[in-house]
Amino acid sequence: MDAPAPPDVGPSPRTERVMRRLRQAVLWTAALVSIAAASGCSNDGGGGSSSYSTPSSKAPSSASAGAPAMVKTASAGNLGTILVDGKGHTLYLFEADKSTTSTCDGACASAWPPLLTSGAPTAGGSAKSDLLGTSKRSDGKTQVTYHGHPVYGYAGDSKPGDTNGQALNQFGAKWYVLDTAGNKVDKS
């Protein structure tokens, strides 16, 4: 005589929790990748040239190969006069950077693309050329620094003048716009 088949009890509660968390992680990852791809900076043909290291096809690129990046200024409402790139996109400092060397790579650099340059960056508006500098990134590219801070754009800023990255806490530290002296602007 054959033994009766065991009853079909389904997955255990623990297995269900693990599967639910896995599905949530996959959905969040897909959502973040979609947002990052859709939030690239626009290329509006503004003055100056800059290059951000980001996979988005909407990211600004150098107006001419080998052109240096430009850092200039713009008025940003209650934040005052802040630093922007040559196309008017807001620039940020990352508090985790304790020197001129960037600590933002990989996924961080996708969300916060570094301002890259070929040659010495230039200053416009009331940006100070004596505060501009460069540093080598871990990938060998040259990143613009201002008053010793590596500077970055933010993938969540969809157009010039956006400051959506202001005071965000991501990738282990906060991000701030910079004033013309190269200091973080903290209006919290």
N, C-alpha and C. Protein backbone atom coordinates (compact mmCIF):
# COMPACT_ATOMS: atom_id res chain seq x y z
N MET A 1 0.82 -1.16 0.00
CA MET A 1 0.00 0.00 0.00
C MET A 1 0.88 1.24 0.00
N ASP A 2 0.48 2.22 -0.79
CA ASP A 2 1.24 3.46 -0.88
C ASP A 2 0.95 4.35 0.31
N ALA A 3 1.98 5.12 0.72
CA ALA A 3 1.81 6.08 1.82
C ALA A 3 1.02 7.28 1.29
N PRO A 4 0.16 7.85 2.13
CA PRO A 4 -0.62 9.02 1.68
C PRO A 4 0.31 10.21 1.43
N ALA A 5 -0.06 11.03 0.47
CA ALA A 5 0.73 12.22 0.13
C ALA A 5 0.64 13.22 1.27
N PRO A 6 1.74 13.91 1.56
CA PRO A 6 1.69 14.91 2.63
C PRO A 6 0.77 16.06 2.22
N PRO A 7 0.13 16.67 3.18
CA PRO A 7 -0.77 17.78 2.85
C PRO A 7 0.03 18.96 2.29
N ASP A 8 -0.59 19.70 1.36
CA ASP A 8 0.06 20.88 0.76
C ASP A 8 -0.15 22.05 1.71
N VAL A 9 0.91 22.39 2.46
CA VAL A 9 0.79 23.45 3.46
C VAL A 9 1.26 24.80 2.95
N GLY A 10 1.88 24.87 1.78
CA GLY A 10 2.34 26.15 1.24
C GLY A 10 3.60 26.63 1.92
N PRO A 11 4.06 27.81 1.53
CA PRO A 11 5.30 28.34 2.12
C PRO A 11 5.10 28.74 3.58
N SER A 12 6.17 28.67 4.31
CA SER A 12 6.12 29.05 5.72
C SER A 12 5.97 30.57 5.83
N PRO A 13 5.52 31.07 6.98
CA PRO A 13 5.42 32.53 7.16
C PRO A 13 6.77 33.22 6.94
N ARG A 14 7.84 32.58 7.36
CA ARG A 14 9.16 33.19 7.16
C ARG A 14 9.49 33.30 5.68
N THR A 15 9.22 32.25 4.92
CA THR A 15 9.47 32.27 3.48
C THR A 15 8.63 33.35 2.82
N GLU A 16 7.38 33.50 3.25
CA GLU A 16 6.52 34.54 2.68
C GLU A 16 7.10 35.93 2.96
N ARG A 17 7.61 36.16 4.19
CA ARG A 17 8.21 37.46 4.52
C ARG A 17 9.43 37.75 3.66
N VAL A 18 10.28 36.72 3.50
CA VAL A 18 11.48 36.89 2.69
C VAL A 18 11.10 37.22 1.24
N MET A 19 10.13 36.49 0.70
CA MET A 19 9.70 36.74 -0.68
C MET A 19 9.09 38.13 -0.83
N ARG A 20 8.30 38.56 0.15
CA ARG A 20 7.68 39.89 0.11
C ARG A 20 8.76 40.97 0.13
N ARG A 21 9.77 40.81 0.99
CA ARG A 21 10.87 41.78 1.06
C ARG A 21 11.68 41.80 -0.24
N LEU A 22 11.89 40.63 -0.82
CA LEU A 22 12.61 40.55 -2.08
C LEU A 22 11.84 41.27 -3.18
N ARG A 23 10.53 41.05 -3.26
CA ARG A 23 9.71 41.75 -4.26
C ARG A 23 9.77 43.26 -4.04
N GLN A 24 9.70 43.70 -2.77
CA GLN A 24 9.77 45.13 -2.48
C GLN A 24 11.13 45.70 -2.89
N ALA A 25 12.19 44.97 -2.61
CA ALA A 25 13.53 45.46 -2.98
C ALA A 25 13.66 45.58 -4.50
N VAL A 26 13.14 44.61 -5.23
CA VAL A 26 13.19 44.66 -6.69
C VAL A 26 12.38 45.85 -7.21
N LEU A 27 11.19 46.06 -6.66
CA LEU A 27 10.36 47.19 -7.09
C LEU A 27 11.02 48.52 -6.77
N TRP A 28 11.60 48.67 -5.57
CA TRP A 28 12.27 49.92 -5.20
C TRP A 28 13.47 50.18 -6.11
N THR A 29 14.23 49.13 -6.38
CA THR A 29 15.39 49.29 -7.26
C THR A 29 14.95 49.73 -8.65
N ALA A 30 13.92 49.10 -9.19
CA ALA A 30 13.42 49.48 -10.51
C ALA A 30 12.91 50.92 -10.50
N ALA A 31 12.22 51.31 -9.43
CA ALA A 31 11.71 52.68 -9.34
C ALA A 31 12.85 53.69 -9.28
N LEU A 32 13.87 53.40 -8.47
CA LEU A 32 15.01 54.32 -8.36
C LEU A 32 15.78 54.45 -9.67
N VAL A 33 15.96 53.34 -10.37
CA VAL A 33 16.64 53.38 -11.66
C VAL A 33 15.82 54.21 -12.65
N SER A 34 14.50 54.02 -12.66
CA SER A 34 13.64 54.80 -13.55
C SER A 34 13.70 56.28 -13.23
N ILE A 35 13.66 56.62 -11.95
CA ILE A 35 13.72 58.03 -11.55
C ILE A 35 15.06 58.64 -11.94
N ALA A 36 16.14 57.91 -11.68
CA ALA A 36 17.46 58.43 -12.03
C ALA A 36 17.59 58.65 -13.53
N ALA A 37 17.05 57.73 -14.32
CA ALA A 37 17.13 57.87 -15.77
C ALA A 37 16.27 59.01 -16.28
N ALA A 38 15.10 59.20 -15.65
CA ALA A 38 14.18 60.25 -16.10
C ALA A 38 14.56 61.62 -15.58
N SER A 39 15.41 61.70 -14.57
CA SER A 39 15.71 62.99 -13.94
C SER A 39 17.00 63.62 -14.40
N GLY A 40 17.55 63.17 -15.48
CA GLY A 40 18.80 63.76 -15.95
C GLY A 40 18.63 65.24 -16.23
N CYS A 41 19.72 65.97 -16.17
CA CYS A 41 19.68 67.40 -16.43
C CYS A 41 19.41 67.65 -17.90
N SER A 42 18.66 68.71 -18.20
CA SER A 42 18.37 69.03 -19.59
C SER A 42 19.55 69.72 -20.24
N ASN A 43 19.62 69.60 -21.54
CA ASN A 43 20.65 70.29 -22.30
C ASN A 43 19.98 71.43 -23.03
N ASP A 44 19.97 72.61 -22.40
CA ASP A 44 19.22 73.72 -22.95
C ASP A 44 20.08 74.65 -23.79
N GLY A 45 21.32 74.27 -24.02
CA GLY A 45 22.18 75.09 -24.86
C GLY A 45 22.66 76.35 -24.19
N GLY A 46 22.61 76.43 -22.85
CA GLY A 46 23.06 77.61 -22.12
C GLY A 46 24.55 77.83 -22.28
N GLY A 47 25.04 78.94 -21.76
CA GLY A 47 26.44 79.31 -21.90
C GLY A 47 27.36 78.40 -21.13
N GLY A 48 28.61 78.37 -21.50
CA GLY A 48 29.61 77.56 -20.81
C GLY A 48 29.50 76.11 -21.19
N SER A 49 30.45 75.34 -20.74
CA SER A 49 30.38 73.92 -21.02
C SER A 49 30.74 73.16 -19.76
N SER A 50 30.05 72.05 -19.58
CA SER A 50 30.34 71.21 -18.44
C SER A 50 30.00 69.79 -18.80
N SER A 51 30.50 68.88 -18.02
CA SER A 51 30.24 67.48 -18.25
C SER A 51 29.99 66.81 -16.92
N TYR A 52 28.86 66.11 -16.81
CA TYR A 52 28.56 65.35 -15.62
C TYR A 52 28.75 63.89 -15.92
N SER A 53 29.24 63.15 -14.96
CA SER A 53 29.42 61.72 -15.10
C SER A 53 28.14 61.04 -14.65
N THR A 54 27.25 60.73 -15.59
CA THR A 54 25.99 60.09 -15.26
C THR A 54 25.51 59.29 -16.46
N PRO A 55 24.80 58.18 -16.22
CA PRO A 55 24.35 57.37 -17.33
C PRO A 55 23.15 57.97 -18.07
N SER A 56 22.52 59.00 -17.56
CA SER A 56 21.35 59.56 -18.20
C SER A 56 21.69 60.17 -19.55
N SER A 57 20.84 59.90 -20.55
CA SER A 57 21.08 60.47 -21.87
C SER A 57 20.76 61.96 -21.90
N LYS A 58 20.09 62.49 -20.88
CA LYS A 58 19.74 63.90 -20.84
C LYS A 58 20.81 64.75 -20.16
N ALA A 59 21.88 64.13 -19.70
CA ALA A 59 22.91 64.87 -18.98
C ALA A 59 23.62 65.84 -19.91
N PRO A 60 24.00 67.00 -19.39
CA PRO A 60 24.72 67.93 -20.24
C PRO A 60 26.07 67.37 -20.63
N SER A 61 26.53 67.74 -21.79
CA SER A 61 27.85 67.31 -22.22
C SER A 61 28.63 68.54 -22.64
N SER A 62 29.92 68.37 -22.78
CA SER A 62 30.75 69.50 -23.17
C SER A 62 30.30 70.04 -24.51
N ALA A 63 30.28 71.36 -24.62
CA ALA A 63 29.91 71.99 -25.88
C ALA A 63 30.94 71.67 -26.95
N SER A 64 32.18 71.55 -26.55
CA SER A 64 33.23 71.14 -27.48
C SER A 64 34.18 70.22 -26.73
N ALA A 65 34.66 69.22 -27.43
CA ALA A 65 35.54 68.24 -26.79
C ALA A 65 36.75 68.94 -26.18
N GLY A 66 37.06 68.58 -24.95
CA GLY A 66 38.23 69.13 -24.28
C GLY A 66 38.03 70.50 -23.68
N ALA A 67 36.80 71.02 -23.70
CA ALA A 67 36.55 72.35 -23.14
C ALA A 67 36.54 72.29 -21.62
N PRO A 68 37.07 73.32 -20.97
CA PRO A 68 37.03 73.35 -19.51
C PRO A 68 35.62 73.65 -19.00
N ALA A 69 35.31 73.15 -17.82
CA ALA A 69 34.01 73.42 -17.19
C ALA A 69 33.97 74.86 -16.70
N MET A 70 32.76 75.40 -16.59
CA MET A 70 32.59 76.74 -16.05
C MET A 70 31.78 76.66 -14.76
N VAL A 71 32.18 77.45 -13.79
CA VAL A 71 31.42 77.63 -12.55
C VAL A 71 31.05 79.10 -12.51
N LYS A 72 29.74 79.37 -12.37
CA LYS A 72 29.27 80.75 -12.29
C LYS A 72 28.25 80.85 -11.17
N THR A 73 27.55 81.95 -11.08
CA THR A 73 26.61 82.16 -9.98
C THR A 73 25.21 82.42 -10.50
N ALA A 74 24.24 82.18 -9.62
CA ALA A 74 22.84 82.46 -9.92
C ALA A 74 22.12 82.75 -8.61
N SER A 75 21.04 83.49 -8.70
CA SER A 75 20.22 83.77 -7.53
C SER A 75 19.26 82.61 -7.32
N ALA A 76 19.15 82.14 -6.07
CA ALA A 76 18.29 81.00 -5.77
C ALA A 76 17.33 81.32 -4.63
N GLY A 77 16.57 82.38 -4.76
CA GLY A 77 15.56 82.74 -3.77
C GLY A 77 16.14 82.90 -2.38
N ASN A 78 15.55 82.19 -1.40
CA ASN A 78 15.99 82.34 -0.01
C ASN A 78 17.39 81.77 0.24
N LEU A 79 17.95 81.02 -0.72
CA LEU A 79 19.30 80.49 -0.56
C LEU A 79 20.35 81.53 -0.94
N GLY A 80 19.94 82.61 -1.58
CA GLY A 80 20.87 83.67 -1.97
C GLY A 80 21.58 83.36 -3.28
N THR A 81 22.76 83.91 -3.45
CA THR A 81 23.56 83.69 -4.65
C THR A 81 24.36 82.41 -4.45
N ILE A 82 24.16 81.46 -5.38
CA ILE A 82 24.80 80.15 -5.26
C ILE A 82 25.61 79.84 -6.51
N LEU A 83 26.41 78.79 -6.42
CA LEU A 83 27.21 78.35 -7.56
C LEU A 83 26.41 77.43 -8.46
N VAL A 84 26.58 77.62 -9.76
CA VAL A 84 25.96 76.77 -10.78
C VAL A 84 27.00 76.45 -11.84
N ASP A 85 26.71 75.46 -12.66
CA ASP A 85 27.63 75.16 -13.76
C ASP A 85 27.37 76.12 -14.92
N GLY A 86 28.06 75.94 -16.01
CA GLY A 86 27.95 76.82 -17.16
C GLY A 86 26.57 76.84 -17.80
N LYS A 87 25.74 75.85 -17.51
CA LYS A 87 24.39 75.80 -18.06
C LYS A 87 23.33 76.18 -17.04
N GLY A 88 23.78 76.62 -15.86
CA GLY A 88 22.85 77.08 -14.84
C GLY A 88 22.35 76.02 -13.88
N HIS A 89 22.89 74.80 -13.96
CA HIS A 89 22.48 73.74 -13.04
C HIS A 89 23.21 73.90 -11.70
N THR A 90 22.47 73.77 -10.63
CA THR A 90 22.98 73.97 -9.28
C THR A 90 24.12 73.01 -8.96
N LEU A 91 25.13 73.53 -8.26
CA LEU A 91 26.25 72.72 -7.79
C LEU A 91 26.15 72.53 -6.28
N TYR A 92 26.58 71.37 -5.81
CA TYR A 92 26.48 70.98 -4.41
C TYR A 92 27.83 70.50 -3.89
N LEU A 93 28.00 70.60 -2.57
CA LEU A 93 29.11 69.94 -1.89
C LEU A 93 28.55 68.79 -1.08
N PHE A 94 29.38 67.78 -0.84
CA PHE A 94 29.02 66.58 -0.10
C PHE A 94 29.79 66.61 1.21
N GLU A 95 29.08 66.63 2.34
CA GLU A 95 29.76 66.75 3.63
C GLU A 95 30.68 65.58 3.95
N ALA A 96 30.51 64.44 3.29
CA ALA A 96 31.40 63.30 3.53
C ALA A 96 32.78 63.52 2.93
N ASP A 97 32.89 64.43 1.96
CA ASP A 97 34.20 64.75 1.38
C ASP A 97 34.96 65.62 2.37
N LYS A 98 36.01 65.09 2.94
CA LYS A 98 36.78 65.82 3.95
C LYS A 98 38.01 66.50 3.36
N SER A 99 38.25 66.31 2.08
CA SER A 99 39.38 66.96 1.40
C SER A 99 38.95 67.20 -0.03
N THR A 100 39.90 67.49 -0.89
CA THR A 100 39.56 67.71 -2.30
C THR A 100 39.27 66.41 -3.03
N THR A 101 39.46 65.27 -2.37
CA THR A 101 39.21 63.98 -2.98
C THR A 101 37.76 63.56 -2.77
N SER A 102 37.09 63.20 -3.86
CA SER A 102 35.69 62.79 -3.81
C SER A 102 35.54 61.42 -3.15
N THR A 103 34.48 61.27 -2.36
CA THR A 103 34.13 59.98 -1.78
C THR A 103 32.85 59.44 -2.41
N CYS A 104 32.36 60.09 -3.46
CA CYS A 104 31.10 59.74 -4.11
C CYS A 104 31.39 59.03 -5.43
N ASP A 105 31.20 57.70 -5.44
CA ASP A 105 31.42 56.89 -6.63
C ASP A 105 30.22 55.98 -6.83
N GLY A 106 30.18 55.26 -7.93
CA GLY A 106 29.14 54.27 -8.19
C GLY A 106 27.75 54.87 -8.19
N ALA A 107 26.84 54.27 -7.40
CA ALA A 107 25.45 54.75 -7.34
C ALA A 107 25.38 56.19 -6.87
N CYS A 108 26.26 56.57 -5.97
CA CYS A 108 26.31 57.95 -5.50
C CYS A 108 26.58 58.89 -6.66
N ALA A 109 27.56 58.57 -7.50
CA ALA A 109 27.91 59.43 -8.63
C ALA A 109 26.84 59.43 -9.71
N SER A 110 25.97 58.41 -9.73
CA SER A 110 24.84 58.43 -10.66
C SER A 110 23.78 59.42 -10.19
N ALA A 111 23.53 59.44 -8.88
CA ALA A 111 22.54 60.37 -8.33
C ALA A 111 23.10 61.77 -8.20
N TRP A 112 24.39 61.88 -7.92
CA TRP A 112 25.08 63.16 -7.71
C TRP A 112 26.28 63.22 -8.66
N PRO A 113 26.03 63.48 -9.94
CA PRO A 113 27.13 63.47 -10.91
C PRO A 113 28.18 64.54 -10.63
N PRO A 114 29.45 64.14 -10.59
CA PRO A 114 30.52 65.12 -10.37
C PRO A 114 30.65 66.06 -11.56
N LEU A 115 31.00 67.31 -11.29
CA LEU A 115 31.29 68.26 -12.37
C LEU A 115 32.71 67.96 -12.85
N LEU A 116 32.81 67.49 -14.08
CA LEU A 116 34.10 67.10 -14.65
C LEU A 116 34.61 68.19 -15.59
N THR A 117 35.91 68.19 -15.80
CA THR A 117 36.51 69.19 -16.68
C THR A 117 37.67 68.60 -17.45
N SER A 118 37.94 69.19 -18.59
CA SER A 118 39.17 68.93 -19.34
C SER A 118 39.94 70.24 -19.31
N GLY A 119 40.96 70.29 -18.51
CA GLY A 119 41.72 71.53 -18.35
C GLY A 119 41.24 72.31 -17.14
N ALA A 120 41.78 73.50 -16.99
CA ALA A 120 41.46 74.34 -15.83
C ALA A 120 40.04 74.88 -15.95
N PRO A 121 39.21 74.72 -14.91
CA PRO A 121 37.86 75.28 -14.97
C PRO A 121 37.90 76.81 -14.97
N THR A 122 36.84 77.42 -15.47
CA THR A 122 36.78 78.88 -15.53
C THR A 122 35.65 79.39 -14.64
N ALA A 123 35.79 80.63 -14.20
CA ALA A 123 34.80 81.26 -13.33
C ALA A 123 34.01 82.30 -14.12
N GLY A 124 32.73 82.40 -13.81
CA GLY A 124 31.87 83.42 -14.41
C GLY A 124 31.02 84.05 -13.32
N GLY A 125 30.37 85.16 -13.64
CA GLY A 125 29.56 85.85 -12.65
C GLY A 125 30.44 86.27 -11.48
N SER A 126 29.94 86.07 -10.27
CA SER A 126 30.74 86.44 -9.10
C SER A 126 31.46 85.23 -8.48
N ALA A 127 31.56 84.12 -9.25
CA ALA A 127 32.39 83.00 -8.81
C ALA A 127 33.85 83.45 -8.83
N LYS A 128 34.62 82.97 -7.89
CA LYS A 128 36.01 83.42 -7.73
C LYS A 128 36.97 82.40 -8.34
N SER A 129 37.72 82.84 -9.36
CA SER A 129 38.63 81.94 -10.06
C SER A 129 39.73 81.40 -9.14
N ASP A 130 40.12 82.18 -8.12
CA ASP A 130 41.18 81.71 -7.21
C ASP A 130 40.68 80.60 -6.28
N LEU A 131 39.37 80.36 -6.22
CA LEU A 131 38.83 79.27 -5.40
C LEU A 131 38.59 78.00 -6.22
N LEU A 132 38.75 78.10 -7.55
CA LEU A 132 38.56 76.94 -8.42
C LEU A 132 39.79 76.06 -8.41
N GLY A 133 39.57 74.76 -8.51
CA GLY A 133 40.65 73.80 -8.60
C GLY A 133 40.14 72.51 -9.20
N THR A 134 40.96 71.49 -9.18
CA THR A 134 40.58 70.18 -9.69
C THR A 134 41.17 69.10 -8.80
N SER A 135 40.59 67.91 -8.90
CA SER A 135 41.17 66.74 -8.25
C SER A 135 40.88 65.53 -9.12
N LYS A 136 41.74 64.53 -9.01
CA LYS A 136 41.56 63.29 -9.77
C LYS A 136 40.62 62.37 -9.01
N ARG A 137 39.65 61.81 -9.73
CA ARG A 137 38.71 60.85 -9.16
C ARG A 137 39.31 59.44 -9.25
N SER A 138 38.67 58.51 -8.58
CA SER A 138 39.17 57.13 -8.59
C SER A 138 39.12 56.53 -9.99
N ASP A 139 38.25 57.06 -10.87
CA ASP A 139 38.17 56.56 -12.24
C ASP A 139 39.15 57.28 -13.18
N GLY A 140 39.98 58.17 -12.62
CA GLY A 140 40.98 58.88 -13.41
C GLY A 140 40.49 60.17 -14.04
N LYS A 141 39.19 60.46 -13.94
CA LYS A 141 38.65 61.70 -14.50
C LYS A 141 38.97 62.87 -13.58
N THR A 142 38.90 64.08 -14.12
CA THR A 142 39.22 65.28 -13.37
C THR A 142 37.94 65.98 -12.94
N GLN A 143 37.78 66.17 -11.63
CA GLN A 143 36.60 66.80 -11.06
C GLN A 143 36.93 68.22 -10.63
N VAL A 144 35.97 69.12 -10.83
CA VAL A 144 36.13 70.50 -10.40
C VAL A 144 35.96 70.58 -8.89
N THR A 145 36.81 71.40 -8.25
CA THR A 145 36.65 71.72 -6.83
C THR A 145 36.48 73.23 -6.70
N TYR A 146 35.82 73.63 -5.61
CA TYR A 146 35.66 75.06 -5.32
C TYR A 146 35.90 75.23 -3.83
N HIS A 147 36.86 76.06 -3.48
CA HIS A 147 37.28 76.28 -2.09
C HIS A 147 37.60 74.94 -1.40
N GLY A 148 38.20 74.03 -2.19
CA GLY A 148 38.62 72.74 -1.66
C GLY A 148 37.55 71.66 -1.63
N HIS A 149 36.32 71.99 -2.06
CA HIS A 149 35.23 71.01 -2.07
C HIS A 149 35.01 70.48 -3.49
N PRO A 150 35.03 69.15 -3.69
CA PRO A 150 34.59 68.63 -4.98
C PRO A 150 33.12 69.04 -5.18
N VAL A 151 32.74 69.43 -6.40
CA VAL A 151 31.36 69.88 -6.64
C VAL A 151 30.63 68.91 -7.54
N TYR A 152 29.31 68.84 -7.33
CA TYR A 152 28.45 67.87 -7.98
C TYR A 152 27.16 68.53 -8.43
N GLY A 153 26.53 67.93 -9.44
CA GLY A 153 25.16 68.25 -9.78
C GLY A 153 24.25 67.29 -9.03
N TYR A 154 22.95 67.36 -9.28
CA TYR A 154 22.00 66.43 -8.67
C TYR A 154 21.03 65.96 -9.73
N ALA A 155 20.88 64.65 -9.89
CA ALA A 155 20.00 64.09 -10.91
C ALA A 155 18.55 64.48 -10.70
N GLY A 156 18.17 64.85 -9.48
CA GLY A 156 16.80 65.27 -9.19
C GLY A 156 16.50 66.71 -9.58
N ASP A 157 17.51 67.45 -10.02
CA ASP A 157 17.30 68.81 -10.54
C ASP A 157 17.06 68.68 -12.04
N SER A 158 15.83 68.92 -12.47
CA SER A 158 15.50 68.70 -13.88
C SER A 158 15.77 69.89 -14.78
N LYS A 159 15.94 71.08 -14.19
CA LYS A 159 16.18 72.25 -15.03
C LYS A 159 17.08 73.23 -14.29
N PRO A 160 17.69 74.16 -15.03
CA PRO A 160 18.52 75.17 -14.37
C PRO A 160 17.71 75.91 -13.30
N GLY A 161 18.35 76.17 -12.18
CA GLY A 161 17.68 76.87 -11.08
C GLY A 161 17.07 75.96 -10.04
N ASP A 162 16.86 74.67 -10.36
CA ASP A 162 16.33 73.74 -9.36
C ASP A 162 17.35 73.55 -8.24
N THR A 163 16.87 73.42 -7.01
CA THR A 163 17.73 73.16 -5.85
C THR A 163 17.15 72.01 -5.03
N ASN A 164 16.66 70.99 -5.71
CA ASN A 164 16.00 69.87 -5.04
C ASN A 164 16.93 69.03 -4.17
N GLY A 165 18.23 69.16 -4.36
CA GLY A 165 19.17 68.39 -3.56
C GLY A 165 19.58 69.07 -2.26
N GLN A 166 19.14 70.31 -2.06
CA GLN A 166 19.55 71.08 -0.89
C GLN A 166 19.21 70.38 0.42
N ALA A 167 20.22 70.16 1.26
CA ALA A 167 20.11 69.60 2.61
C ALA A 167 19.62 68.15 2.62
N LEU A 168 19.68 67.46 1.48
CA LEU A 168 19.31 66.04 1.48
C LEU A 168 20.40 65.24 2.18
N ASN A 169 19.99 64.20 2.88
CA ASN A 169 20.92 63.29 3.53
C ASN A 169 20.92 62.00 2.73
N GLN A 170 21.92 61.82 1.88
CA GLN A 170 22.02 60.63 1.04
C GLN A 170 23.46 60.16 0.98
N PHE A 171 23.63 58.86 0.89
CA PHE A 171 24.95 58.24 0.77
C PHE A 171 25.84 58.58 1.96
N GLY A 172 25.23 58.69 3.14
CA GLY A 172 25.98 58.82 4.37
C GLY A 172 26.25 60.22 4.87
N ALA A 173 25.79 61.23 4.17
CA ALA A 173 26.02 62.61 4.62
C ALA A 173 25.06 63.56 3.90
N LYS A 174 25.08 64.82 4.31
CA LYS A 174 24.20 65.82 3.70
C LYS A 174 24.88 66.51 2.52
N TRP A 175 24.02 67.04 1.65
CA TRP A 175 24.42 67.77 0.45
C TRP A 175 23.92 69.20 0.56
N TYR A 176 24.76 70.16 0.19
CA TYR A 176 24.37 71.57 0.28
C TYR A 176 24.83 72.34 -0.96
N VAL A 177 24.04 73.37 -1.32
CA VAL A 177 24.49 74.32 -2.33
C VAL A 177 25.63 75.13 -1.71
N LEU A 178 26.42 75.78 -2.56
CA LEU A 178 27.56 76.57 -2.10
C LEU A 178 27.33 78.05 -2.41
N ASP A 179 27.80 78.90 -1.50
CA ASP A 179 27.79 80.34 -1.78
C ASP A 179 29.07 80.71 -2.54
N THR A 180 29.22 81.98 -2.88
CA THR A 180 30.37 82.40 -3.69
C THR A 180 31.70 82.26 -2.96
N ALA A 181 31.67 82.16 -1.63
CA ALA A 181 32.90 81.94 -0.86
C ALA A 181 33.26 80.45 -0.79
N GLY A 182 32.37 79.59 -1.31
CA GLY A 182 32.62 78.16 -1.29
C GLY A 182 32.16 77.47 -0.03
N ASN A 183 31.31 78.15 0.75
CA ASN A 183 30.78 77.57 1.98
C ASN A 183 29.40 76.99 1.73
N LYS A 184 29.04 75.97 2.52
CA LYS A 184 27.70 75.41 2.38
C LYS A 184 26.67 76.45 2.80
N VAL A 185 25.52 76.41 2.15
CA VAL A 185 24.40 77.28 2.51
C VAL A 185 23.42 76.41 3.28
N ASP A 186 23.27 76.67 4.57
CA ASP A 186 22.38 75.89 5.43
C ASP A 186 21.33 76.81 6.00
N LYS A 187 20.15 76.78 5.40
CA LYS A 187 19.05 77.66 5.84
C LYS A 187 18.00 76.87 6.61
N SER A 188 18.40 75.79 7.29
CA SER A 188 17.43 74.96 8.01
C SER A 188 17.06 75.51 9.35
